[in-house]
Amino acid sequence: MFSCNNENADIVATKTILSILEQQQNDWNNGNIEAYMQAYWKSPQLRFASGDKITFGWQKTFSNYKKSYPDKETMGELHFTELKVEIINETDAVVFGRWKLFRKSDSPNGLFTLRFHKFDEGWKIISDHTS
């Protein structure tokens, strides 16, 4: 049986997660990768998959971002679209969406799947698969 309380909790969780993604987009567009990374679980167990590579750990993921996007020009302007949040339970959610970077020379884009977990300090991305 699905209760009203669960439905309300799902709405709050969805809004919170969408707000986190909006903040990430703003942080990226302000050229602040460190702030962007605050949405991720600060753990060696964080999983980030992109292309044919899988990276484990917050610090390694952060270092890879800094290496791949050393300045505002290479970062471009990030847009998330077609966001779909699926609440699994009170502590787990999955987000599907599209990303696109607008830069002077190109506009790379793709899909992503994010797994969020709710910790005492709030919702964090624990797994990111970006293509």
Protein backbone atom coordinates (compact mmCIF):
# COMPACT_ATOMS: atom_id res chain seq x y z
CA MET A 1 0.00 0.00 0.00
CA PHE A 2 1.34 3.41 -0.98
CA SER A 3 0.78 6.07 1.66
CA CYS A 4 0.48 9.81 1.30
CA ASN A 5 3.56 10.24 3.50
CA ASN A 6 5.67 8.17 1.10
CA GLU A 7 4.36 10.15 -1.85
CA ASN A 8 5.19 13.45 -0.12
CA ALA A 9 8.65 12.17 0.81
CA ASP A 10 9.23 11.17 -2.83
CA ILE A 11 8.21 14.65 -4.00
CA VAL A 12 10.59 16.28 -1.51
CA ALA A 13 13.43 13.92 -2.49
CA THR A 14 12.84 14.57 -6.20
CA LYS A 15 12.86 18.34 -5.70
CA THR A 16 16.00 18.13 -3.58
CA ILE A 17 17.85 16.03 -6.16
CA LEU A 18 16.80 18.32 -9.01
CA SER A 19 18.03 21.27 -6.96
CA ILE A 20 21.40 19.56 -6.50
CA LEU A 21 21.69 19.07 -10.26
CA GLU A 22 20.73 22.69 -10.89
CA GLN A 23 23.45 23.78 -8.45
CA GLN A 24 25.95 21.51 -10.20
CA GLN A 25 25.08 23.07 -13.54
CA ASN A 26 25.50 26.57 -12.07
CA ASP A 27 28.82 25.65 -10.42
CA TRP A 28 30.12 24.22 -13.70
CA ASN A 29 29.02 27.29 -15.64
CA ASN A 30 30.82 29.48 -13.09
CA GLY A 31 34.02 27.52 -13.77
CA ASN A 32 34.06 25.98 -10.29
CA ILE A 33 34.78 22.25 -10.56
CA GLU A 34 35.43 21.94 -6.83
CA ALA A 35 31.93 23.25 -6.03
CA TYR A 36 30.50 21.02 -8.80
CA MET A 37 32.12 18.02 -7.12
CA GLN A 38 30.34 18.68 -3.80
CA ALA A 39 27.35 16.76 -5.17
CA TYR A 40 29.47 13.60 -5.23
CA TRP A 41 30.06 11.22 -2.32
CA LYS A 42 33.47 12.09 -0.91
CA SER A 43 34.62 8.49 -0.70
CA PRO A 44 37.17 6.18 -2.30
CA GLN A 45 34.15 4.04 -3.25
CA LEU A 46 32.60 6.67 -5.54
CA ARG A 47 32.23 5.10 -9.01
CA PHE A 48 32.53 7.17 -12.20
CA ALA A 49 32.23 5.49 -15.61
CA SER A 50 32.73 7.37 -18.87
CA GLY A 51 33.65 6.04 -22.27
CA ASP A 52 35.70 2.90 -21.72
CA LYS A 53 37.07 3.97 -18.31
CA ILE A 54 35.90 3.39 -14.76
CA THR A 55 37.31 5.54 -11.99
CA PHE A 56 36.92 4.89 -8.28
CA GLY A 57 37.21 7.58 -5.65
CA TRP A 58 36.21 11.21 -5.20
CA GLN A 59 39.77 12.55 -5.36
CA LYS A 60 40.62 10.65 -8.56
CA THR A 61 37.36 11.79 -10.18
CA PHE A 62 38.08 15.39 -9.17
CA SER A 63 41.64 15.15 -10.54
CA ASN A 64 40.34 13.74 -13.83
CA TYR A 65 37.87 16.62 -14.17
CA LYS A 66 40.62 19.19 -13.48
CA LYS A 67 42.89 17.53 -16.06
CA SER A 68 40.18 17.29 -18.73
CA TYR A 69 38.78 20.78 -18.08
CA PRO A 70 41.71 23.01 -17.02
CA ASP A 71 39.94 26.31 -17.69
CA LYS A 72 36.56 27.95 -18.28
CA GLU A 73 36.95 27.77 -22.06
CA THR A 74 37.32 23.98 -22.09
CA MET A 75 34.48 23.67 -19.56
CA GLY A 76 32.09 25.61 -21.78
CA GLU A 77 28.50 26.01 -20.67
CA LEU A 78 26.77 22.91 -19.32
CA HIS A 79 23.09 22.15 -19.83
CA PHE A 80 21.20 19.22 -18.30
CA THR A 81 17.94 18.24 -20.01
CA GLU A 82 15.35 15.47 -20.01
CA LEU A 83 15.92 14.79 -16.31
CA LYS A 84 13.97 11.86 -14.88
CA VAL A 85 14.26 11.09 -11.17
CA GLU A 86 13.20 7.65 -9.96
CA ILE A 87 12.97 7.28 -6.20
CA ILE A 88 13.84 3.69 -5.23
CA ASN A 89 13.27 4.04 -1.48
CA GLU A 90 13.84 6.66 1.21
CA THR A 91 17.63 6.55 0.78
CA ASP A 92 18.19 5.67 -2.87
CA ALA A 93 17.32 7.26 -6.21
CA VAL A 94 18.38 7.10 -9.84
CA VAL A 95 18.47 10.02 -12.27
CA PHE A 96 18.50 9.71 -16.05
CA GLY A 97 19.26 12.67 -18.26
CA ARG A 98 21.12 14.32 -21.10
CA TRP A 99 24.07 16.69 -20.89
CA LYS A 100 25.49 19.10 -23.43
CA LEU A 101 28.47 21.43 -23.35
CA PHE A 102 28.36 24.57 -25.44
CA ARG A 103 31.88 25.67 -26.38
CA LYS A 104 33.37 27.88 -29.09
CA SER A 105 34.80 24.97 -31.05
CA ASP A 106 32.27 22.18 -30.43
CA SER A 107 29.24 20.98 -28.48
CA PRO A 108 29.88 17.53 -26.99
CA ASN A 109 26.82 15.85 -25.55
CA GLY A 110 25.55 12.57 -24.22
CA LEU A 111 23.52 10.68 -21.66
CA PHE A 112 24.02 10.03 -17.97
CA THR A 113 22.70 7.82 -15.21
CA LEU A 114 23.34 8.91 -11.64
CA ARG A 115 22.76 6.84 -8.53
CA PHE A 116 22.04 8.99 -5.48
CA HIS A 117 22.13 7.87 -1.86
CA LYS A 118 20.83 9.87 1.10
CA PHE A 119 23.41 10.17 3.86
CA ASP A 120 23.12 12.08 7.15
CA GLU A 121 24.53 15.12 5.31
CA GLY A 122 22.03 14.78 2.47
CA TRP A 123 21.73 13.30 -1.02
CA LYS A 124 25.02 12.50 -2.79
CA ILE A 125 25.92 10.93 -6.14
CA ILE A 126 27.54 7.56 -5.42
CA SER A 127 27.74 6.35 -9.02
CA ASP A 128 27.89 8.27 -12.30
CA HIS A 129 27.77 6.64 -15.74
CA THR A 130 28.19 9.27 -18.43
CA SER A 131 28.42 8.61 -22.15
